[in-house]
Amino acid sequence: MCLIRSGIASSTRRSTLPSDCIALARSAVLRSGLNGGDIMAKENGDLDYERGWSAAILAARRWHEAQATQAMVLSRRTRFPKNLERDAEVHRRSAEIMATLSAEDV
């Protein structure tokens, strides 16, 4: 699951997802709707889905970790760091939660 928080610090800074995360999530969704009568094709499809799911979760987790790091760096440069520190904590928790998600949660 890719989470987006726009305008964390101010209206001028916007958080966006990397296109890789979106592409991985899109491919995982497309792979989940496999139609096939062959059991081997179904098993291969499930393996592809699992691999896509893992890649999408990893990309989202890395994005949240990067946003947490960026928010902490910005909090050191501002007069009012508490909001940025809270945002960094939210992203850090989100990255930790990503590790607990599995394909069965969908």
C-alpha atoms as a PDB file:
ATOM      1  CA  MET A   1       0.000   0.000   0.000  1.00  0.00           C
ATOM      2  CA  CYS A   2       1.474   3.325  -1.032  1.00  0.00           C
ATOM      3  CA  LEU A   3       0.393   6.161   1.201  1.00  0.00           C
ATOM      4  CA  ILE A   4       0.581   9.781   0.083  1.00  0.00           C
ATOM      5  CA  ARG A   5       0.690  12.783   2.371  1.00  0.00           C
ATOM      6  CA  SER A   6       0.624  16.034   0.451  1.00  0.00           C
ATOM      7  CA  GLY A   7       1.759  19.335   1.860  1.00  0.00           C
ATOM      8  CA  ILE A   8       3.365  17.992   5.041  1.00  0.00           C
ATOM      9  CA  ALA A   9       5.494  21.007   5.895  1.00  0.00           C
ATOM     10  CA  SER A  10       3.933  23.695   3.784  1.00  0.00           C
ATOM     11  CA  SER A  11       1.886  24.166   0.680  1.00  0.00           C
ATOM     12  CA  THR A  12       5.039  24.672  -1.402  1.00  0.00           C
ATOM     13  CA  ARG A  13       6.547  21.241  -0.648  1.00  0.00           C
ATOM     14  CA  ARG A  14       4.542  18.312  -1.955  1.00  0.00           C
ATOM     15  CA  SER A  15       5.330  14.654  -1.404  1.00  0.00           C
ATOM     16  CA  THR A  16       4.999  12.459  -4.443  1.00  0.00           C
ATOM     17  CA  LEU A  17       5.548   8.790  -5.007  1.00  0.00           C
ATOM     18  CA  PRO A  18       8.292   7.673  -7.316  1.00  0.00           C
ATOM     19  CA  SER A  19       7.022   6.356 -10.619  1.00  0.00           C
ATOM     20  CA  ASP A  20       8.679   3.014  -9.812  1.00  0.00           C
ATOM     21  CA  CYS A  21       6.376   2.505  -6.838  1.00  0.00           C
ATOM     22  CA  ILE A  22       3.311   3.240  -8.936  1.00  0.00           C
ATOM     23  CA  ALA A  23       4.483   0.938 -11.725  1.00  0.00           C
ATOM     24  CA  LEU A  24       5.183  -1.898  -9.288  1.00  0.00           C
ATOM     25  CA  ALA A  25       1.818  -1.501  -7.611  1.00  0.00           C
ATOM     26  CA  ARG A  26       0.046  -1.393 -10.984  1.00  0.00           C
ATOM     27  CA  SER A  27       1.790  -4.569 -12.170  1.00  0.00           C
ATOM     28  CA  ALA A  28       0.904  -6.342  -8.923  1.00  0.00           C
ATOM     29  CA  VAL A  29      -2.748  -5.420  -9.375  1.00  0.00           C
ATOM     30  CA  LEU A  30      -2.743  -6.580 -12.994  1.00  0.00           C
ATOM     31  CA  ARG A  31      -1.112  -9.873 -12.063  1.00  0.00           C
ATOM     32  CA  SER A  32      -3.690 -10.580  -9.358  1.00  0.00           C
ATOM     33  CA  GLY A  33      -6.485 -11.055 -11.907  1.00  0.00           C
ATOM     34  CA  LEU A  34      -5.003 -14.087 -13.660  1.00  0.00           C
ATOM     35  CA  ASN A  35      -7.502 -16.315 -15.452  1.00  0.00           C
ATOM     36  CA  GLY A  36      -6.294 -19.770 -16.337  1.00  0.00           C
ATOM     37  CA  GLY A  37      -7.522 -23.319 -16.139  1.00  0.00           C
ATOM     38  CA  ASP A  38      -4.068 -24.810 -15.903  1.00  0.00           C
ATOM     39  CA  ILE A  39      -2.896 -25.393 -12.342  1.00  0.00           C
ATOM     40  CA  MET A  40       0.742 -24.692 -13.225  1.00  0.00           C
ATOM     41  CA  ALA A  41      -0.217 -21.384 -14.787  1.00  0.00           C
ATOM     42  CA  LYS A  42      -2.175 -20.539 -11.644  1.00  0.00           C
ATOM     43  CA  GLU A  43       0.803 -21.406  -9.416  1.00  0.00           C
ATOM     44  CA  ASN A  44       3.163 -19.366 -11.590  1.00  0.00           C
ATOM     45  CA  GLY A  45       0.674 -16.521 -11.480  1.00  0.00           C
ATOM     46  CA  ASP A  46       0.559 -16.713  -7.702  1.00  0.00           C
ATOM     47  CA  LEU A  47       4.349 -16.612  -7.553  1.00  0.00           C
ATOM     48  CA  ASP A  48       4.400 -13.591  -9.862  1.00  0.00           C
ATOM     49  CA  TYR A  49       1.762 -11.916  -7.715  1.00  0.00           C
ATOM     50  CA  GLU A  50       3.760 -12.581  -4.541  1.00  0.00           C
ATOM     51  CA  ARG A  51       6.918 -11.225  -6.153  1.00  0.00           C
ATOM     52  CA  GLY A  52       5.092  -8.101  -7.373  1.00  0.00           C
ATOM     53  CA  TRP A  53       3.485  -7.612  -3.976  1.00  0.00           C
ATOM     54  CA  SER A  54       6.845  -7.841  -2.231  1.00  0.00           C
ATOM     55  CA  ALA A  55       8.416  -5.386  -4.656  1.00  0.00           C
ATOM     56  CA  ALA A  56       5.572  -2.883  -4.232  1.00  0.00           C
ATOM     57  CA  ILE A  57       5.712  -3.097  -0.431  1.00  0.00           C
ATOM     58  CA  LEU A  58       9.492  -2.692  -0.456  1.00  0.00           C
ATOM     59  CA  ALA A  59       9.255   0.372  -2.720  1.00  0.00           C
ATOM     60  CA  ALA A  60       6.595   1.948  -0.500  1.00  0.00           C
ATOM     61  CA  ARG A  61       8.604   1.180   2.625  1.00  0.00           C
ATOM     62  CA  ARG A  62      11.734   2.793   1.198  1.00  0.00           C
ATOM     63  CA  TRP A  63       9.705   5.834   0.166  1.00  0.00           C
ATOM     64  CA  HIS A  64       8.364   6.251   3.717  1.00  0.00           C
ATOM     65  CA  GLU A  65      11.868   5.858   5.167  1.00  0.00           C
ATOM     66  CA  ALA A  66      13.168   8.524   2.780  1.00  0.00           C
ATOM     67  CA  GLN A  67      10.322  10.881   3.690  1.00  0.00           C
ATOM     68  CA  ALA A  68      11.059  10.380   7.400  1.00  0.00           C
ATOM     69  CA  THR A  69      14.728  11.201   6.842  1.00  0.00           C
ATOM     70  CA  GLN A  70      13.846  14.245   4.752  1.00  0.00           C
ATOM     71  CA  ALA A  71      11.429  15.538   7.391  1.00  0.00           C
ATOM     72  CA  MET A  72      14.066  15.172  10.123  1.00  0.00           C
ATOM     73  CA  VAL A  73      16.633  17.074   8.041  1.00  0.00           C
ATOM     74  CA  LEU A  74      14.109  19.851   7.406  1.00  0.00           C
ATOM     75  CA  SER A  75      13.162  19.961  11.089  1.00  0.00           C
ATOM     76  CA  ARG A  76      16.757  20.849  11.954  1.00  0.00           C
ATOM     77  CA  ARG A  77      16.598  23.842   9.615  1.00  0.00           C
ATOM     78  CA  THR A  78      13.355  25.410  10.792  1.00  0.00           C
ATOM     79  CA  ARG A  79      12.346  27.444  13.816  1.00  0.00           C
ATOM     80  CA  PHE A  80       9.341  25.218  14.511  1.00  0.00           C
ATOM     81  CA  PRO A  81      10.486  21.600  14.164  1.00  0.00           C
ATOM     82  CA  LYS A  82       7.684  19.802  16.045  1.00  0.00           C
ATOM     83  CA  ASN A  83       5.346  19.382  13.061  1.00  0.00           C
ATOM     84  CA  LEU A  84       8.121  17.987  10.904  1.00  0.00           C
ATOM     85  CA  GLU A  85       9.206  15.656  13.710  1.00  0.00           C
ATOM     86  CA  ARG A  86       5.631  14.364  13.976  1.00  0.00           C
ATOM     87  CA  ASP A  87       5.499  13.798  10.225  1.00  0.00           C
ATOM     88  CA  ALA A  88       8.804  11.937  10.382  1.00  0.00           C
ATOM     89  CA  GLU A  89       7.392   9.702  13.118  1.00  0.00           C
ATOM     90  CA  VAL A  90       4.286   8.966  11.015  1.00  0.00           C
ATOM     91  CA  HIS A  91       6.450   7.951   8.062  1.00  0.00           C
ATOM     92  CA  ARG A  92       8.714   5.873  10.294  1.00  0.00           C
ATOM     93  CA  ARG A  93       5.702   3.999  11.726  1.00  0.00           C
ATOM     94  CA  SER A  94       4.258   3.510   8.253  1.00  0.00           C
ATOM     95  CA  ALA A  95       7.550   1.992   7.079  1.00  0.00           C
ATOM     96  CA  GLU A  96       7.525  -0.383  10.064  1.00  0.00           C
ATOM     97  CA  ILE A  97       3.931  -1.432   9.372  1.00  0.00           C
ATOM     98  CA  MET A  98       4.753  -2.159   5.737  1.00  0.00           C
ATOM     99  CA  ALA A  99       6.927  -5.071   6.866  1.00  0.00           C
ATOM    100  CA  THR A 100       3.907  -6.783   8.447  1.00  0.00           C
ATOM    101  CA  LEU A 101       1.708  -6.669   5.321  1.00  0.00           C
ATOM    102  CA  SER A 102       1.240  -9.722   3.145  1.00  0.00           C
ATOM    103  CA  ALA A 103      -0.625 -10.565  -0.039  1.00  0.00           C
ATOM    104  CA  GLU A 104      -3.341 -12.291   1.999  1.00  0.00           C
ATOM    105  CA  ASP A 105      -4.256  -8.921   3.555  1.00  0.00           C
ATOM    106  CA  VAL A 106      -5.787  -7.790   0.260  1.00  0.00           C
END
